[in-house]
């Protein structure tokens, strides 16, 4: 599985996580019982499906290996395995947080290298 996984987060929710020392999830995560994450091959489609036109988002890069047994890869879209985190996301597992701006076409502009730093 991927070393780095990603969470798209509204800036305000991430500010709350920084104050709390961990990210407990967005409303959809709370209702589903786990934090939805994506790997590098999935995150662009995740943005398109669930965040179209949304401004002021951040792309949070996470070291999957730092999450231990709380991270599970489970079938979702079309049977594809997605990373789901059962528990809060510790800030110590975060490798980078970068803005996810909207382009002129309304799609989000992702870093060219989604590795750990997303630069």
C-alpha atoms as a PDB file:
ATOM      1  CA  UNK A   1       0.000   0.000   0.000  1.00  0.00           C
ATOM      2  CA  UNK A   2       0.989   3.637  -0.349  1.00  0.00           C
ATOM      3  CA  UNK A   3       3.454   5.232   2.035  1.00  0.00           C
ATOM      4  CA  UNK A   4       1.714   8.602   1.837  1.00  0.00           C
ATOM      5  CA  UNK A   5      -2.020   9.104   2.011  1.00  0.00           C
ATOM      6  CA  UNK A   6      -4.038  12.293   1.878  1.00  0.00           C
ATOM      7  CA  UNK A   7      -6.941  14.103   3.481  1.00  0.00           C
ATOM      8  CA  UNK A   8      -8.671  17.087   1.917  1.00  0.00           C
ATOM      9  CA  UNK A   9      -9.714  19.383   4.745  1.00  0.00           C
ATOM     10  CA  UNK A  10     -11.401  22.788   4.953  1.00  0.00           C
ATOM     11  CA  UNK A  11      -8.952  25.293   6.431  1.00  0.00           C
ATOM     12  CA  UNK A  12     -11.209  26.007   9.445  1.00  0.00           C
ATOM     13  CA  UNK A  13     -11.439  22.331  10.416  1.00  0.00           C
ATOM     14  CA  UNK A  14      -7.672  21.988  10.171  1.00  0.00           C
ATOM     15  CA  UNK A  15      -7.179  25.017  12.425  1.00  0.00           C
ATOM     16  CA  UNK A  16      -9.342  23.230  15.024  1.00  0.00           C
ATOM     17  CA  UNK A  17      -7.178  20.110  14.657  1.00  0.00           C
ATOM     18  CA  UNK A  18      -4.024  22.125  15.225  1.00  0.00           C
ATOM     19  CA  UNK A  19      -5.481  23.592  18.411  1.00  0.00           C
ATOM     20  CA  UNK A  20      -6.616  20.144  19.603  1.00  0.00           C
ATOM     21  CA  UNK A  21      -3.393  18.335  18.622  1.00  0.00           C
ATOM     22  CA  UNK A  22      -5.255  15.797  16.432  1.00  0.00           C
ATOM     23  CA  UNK A  23      -7.793  15.743  13.609  1.00  0.00           C
ATOM     24  CA  UNK A  24     -10.999  14.013  14.647  1.00  0.00           C
ATOM     25  CA  UNK A  25     -12.590  14.180  11.209  1.00  0.00           C
ATOM     26  CA  UNK A  26     -15.077  16.117   9.116  1.00  0.00           C
ATOM     27  CA  UNK A  27     -18.846  15.685   9.514  1.00  0.00           C
ATOM     28  CA  UNK A  28     -18.912  12.892   6.889  1.00  0.00           C
ATOM     29  CA  UNK A  29     -16.144  11.078   8.791  1.00  0.00           C
ATOM     30  CA  UNK A  30     -18.102  11.302  12.040  1.00  0.00           C
ATOM     31  CA  UNK A  31     -21.246   9.912  10.422  1.00  0.00           C
ATOM     32  CA  UNK A  32     -19.356   7.031   8.748  1.00  0.00           C
ATOM     33  CA  UNK A  33     -17.309   6.123  11.826  1.00  0.00           C
ATOM     34  CA  UNK A  34     -13.851   6.604  10.292  1.00  0.00           C
ATOM     35  CA  UNK A  35     -11.729   9.280   8.626  1.00  0.00           C
ATOM     36  CA  UNK A  36     -11.833   9.030   4.835  1.00  0.00           C
ATOM     37  CA  UNK A  37      -8.397   9.225   3.205  1.00  0.00           C
ATOM     38  CA  UNK A  38      -7.075   8.709  -0.331  1.00  0.00           C
ATOM     39  CA  UNK A  39      -3.801   7.602  -1.853  1.00  0.00           C
ATOM     40  CA  UNK A  40      -2.029   9.587  -4.572  1.00  0.00           C
ATOM     41  CA  UNK A  41      -3.916   7.790  -7.354  1.00  0.00           C
ATOM     42  CA  UNK A  42      -7.301   8.529  -5.750  1.00  0.00           C
ATOM     43  CA  UNK A  43      -7.086  12.019  -4.269  1.00  0.00           C
ATOM     44  CA  UNK A  44      -7.738  14.010  -7.472  1.00  0.00           C
ATOM     45  CA  UNK A  45     -10.950  12.060  -8.127  1.00  0.00           C
ATOM     46  CA  UNK A  46     -11.919  12.458  -4.467  1.00  0.00           C
ATOM     47  CA  UNK A  47     -11.615  16.228  -4.844  1.00  0.00           C
ATOM     48  CA  UNK A  48     -13.664  16.151  -8.040  1.00  0.00           C
ATOM     49  CA  UNK A  49     -16.428  13.990  -6.559  1.00  0.00           C
ATOM     50  CA  UNK A  50     -16.751  15.558  -3.125  1.00  0.00           C
ATOM     51  CA  UNK A  51     -15.199  19.045  -3.186  1.00  0.00           C
ATOM     52  CA  UNK A  52     -15.968  20.538  -6.623  1.00  0.00           C
ATOM     53  CA  UNK A  53     -15.860  24.313  -6.439  1.00  0.00           C
ATOM     54  CA  UNK A  54     -14.982  24.343  -2.736  1.00  0.00           C
ATOM     55  CA  UNK A  55     -12.459  27.022  -1.857  1.00  0.00           C
ATOM     56  CA  UNK A  56     -10.118  27.374   1.108  1.00  0.00           C
ATOM     57  CA  UNK A  57      -9.167  23.698   1.264  1.00  0.00           C
ATOM     58  CA  UNK A  58      -5.933  22.129   2.414  1.00  0.00           C
ATOM     59  CA  UNK A  59      -4.251  18.945   1.256  1.00  0.00           C
ATOM     60  CA  UNK A  60      -2.883  17.085   4.263  1.00  0.00           C
ATOM     61  CA  UNK A  61      -0.175  14.522   3.555  1.00  0.00           C
ATOM     62  CA  UNK A  62       0.073  11.672   6.049  1.00  0.00           C
ATOM     63  CA  UNK A  63       2.702   8.986   6.636  1.00  0.00           C
ATOM     64  CA  UNK A  64       0.532   5.864   6.464  1.00  0.00           C
ATOM     65  CA  UNK A  65       3.080   3.830   8.422  1.00  0.00           C
ATOM     66  CA  UNK A  66       2.689   6.113  11.432  1.00  0.00           C
ATOM     67  CA  UNK A  67      -0.990   5.206  11.850  1.00  0.00           C
ATOM     68  CA  UNK A  68      -0.559   1.575  12.885  1.00  0.00           C
ATOM     69  CA  UNK A  69      -3.539  -0.753  13.150  1.00  0.00           C
ATOM     70  CA  UNK A  70      -6.030   2.125  13.163  1.00  0.00           C
ATOM     71  CA  UNK A  71      -5.520   2.404   9.373  1.00  0.00           C
ATOM     72  CA  UNK A  72      -7.422  -0.101   7.263  1.00  0.00           C
ATOM     73  CA  UNK A  73      -7.585  -0.424   3.489  1.00  0.00           C
ATOM     74  CA  UNK A  74     -11.199  -1.193   2.634  1.00  0.00           C
ATOM     75  CA  UNK A  75     -13.239  -1.501  -0.577  1.00  0.00           C
ATOM     76  CA  UNK A  76     -15.107   1.586  -1.649  1.00  0.00           C
ATOM     77  CA  UNK A  77     -15.653   3.145  -5.108  1.00  0.00           C
ATOM     78  CA  UNK A  78     -15.958   0.294  -7.584  1.00  0.00           C
ATOM     79  CA  UNK A  79     -14.248  -2.108  -5.189  1.00  0.00           C
ATOM     80  CA  UNK A  80     -11.097   0.032  -5.065  1.00  0.00           C
ATOM     81  CA  UNK A  81      -9.273  -0.102  -1.717  1.00  0.00           C
ATOM     82  CA  UNK A  82      -9.282   3.202   0.156  1.00  0.00           C
ATOM     83  CA  UNK A  83      -7.480   4.044   3.397  1.00  0.00           C
ATOM     84  CA  UNK A  84      -9.839   4.523   6.353  1.00  0.00           C
ATOM     85  CA  UNK A  85      -8.593   5.679   9.735  1.00  0.00           C
ATOM     86  CA  UNK A  86     -10.474   4.391  12.762  1.00  0.00           C
ATOM     87  CA  UNK A  87      -9.554   6.982  15.330  1.00  0.00           C
ATOM     88  CA  UNK A  88      -8.171  10.499  15.350  1.00  0.00           C
ATOM     89  CA  UNK A  89      -5.385  11.523  12.988  1.00  0.00           C
ATOM     90  CA  UNK A  90      -2.381  12.464  15.146  1.00  0.00           C
ATOM     91  CA  UNK A  91      -0.572  15.551  13.911  1.00  0.00           C
ATOM     92  CA  UNK A  92       2.704  13.670  14.405  1.00  0.00           C
ATOM     93  CA  UNK A  93       1.759  11.520  11.361  1.00  0.00           C
ATOM     94  CA  UNK A  94       1.308  14.579   9.122  1.00  0.00           C
ATOM     95  CA  UNK A  95       4.198  15.229   6.745  1.00  0.00           C
ATOM     96  CA  UNK A  96       2.867  18.355   5.016  1.00  0.00           C
ATOM     97  CA  UNK A  97      -0.122  20.660   4.784  1.00  0.00           C
ATOM     98  CA  UNK A  98      -0.449  22.661   1.563  1.00  0.00           C
ATOM     99  CA  UNK A  99      -3.175  24.871   0.093  1.00  0.00           C
ATOM    100  CA  UNK A 100      -5.424  23.250  -2.515  1.00  0.00           C
ATOM    101  CA  UNK A 101      -6.430  26.221  -4.687  1.00  0.00           C
ATOM    102  CA  UNK A 102      -9.075  26.259  -7.380  1.00  0.00           C
ATOM    103  CA  UNK A 103      -8.019  26.683 -10.971  1.00  0.00           C
ATOM    104  CA  UNK A 104      -9.857  28.815 -13.534  1.00  0.00           C
ATOM    105  CA  UNK A 105     -11.862  25.738 -14.574  1.00  0.00           C
ATOM    106  CA  UNK A 106     -13.127  25.186 -10.999  1.00  0.00           C
ATOM    107  CA  UNK A 107     -10.934  22.125 -10.444  1.00  0.00           C
ATOM    108  CA  UNK A 108      -8.397  21.987  -7.664  1.00  0.00           C
ATOM    109  CA  UNK A 109      -4.735  22.480  -8.490  1.00  0.00           C
ATOM    110  CA  UNK A 110      -2.711  19.692  -6.944  1.00  0.00           C
ATOM    111  CA  UNK A 111       1.037  19.746  -6.312  1.00  0.00           C
ATOM    112  CA  UNK A 112       2.955  18.139  -9.158  1.00  0.00           C
ATOM    113  CA  UNK A 113       4.651  15.728  -6.745  1.00  0.00           C
ATOM    114  CA  UNK A 114       2.285  14.216  -4.223  1.00  0.00           C
ATOM    115  CA  UNK A 115       5.115  12.541  -2.285  1.00  0.00           C
ATOM    116  CA  UNK A 116       5.418  13.363   1.386  1.00  0.00           C
ATOM    117  CA  UNK A 117       5.778  17.097   1.049  1.00  0.00           C
ATOM    118  CA  UNK A 118       3.413  17.669  -1.857  1.00  0.00           C
ATOM    119  CA  UNK A 119       5.624  20.291  -3.427  1.00  0.00           C
END
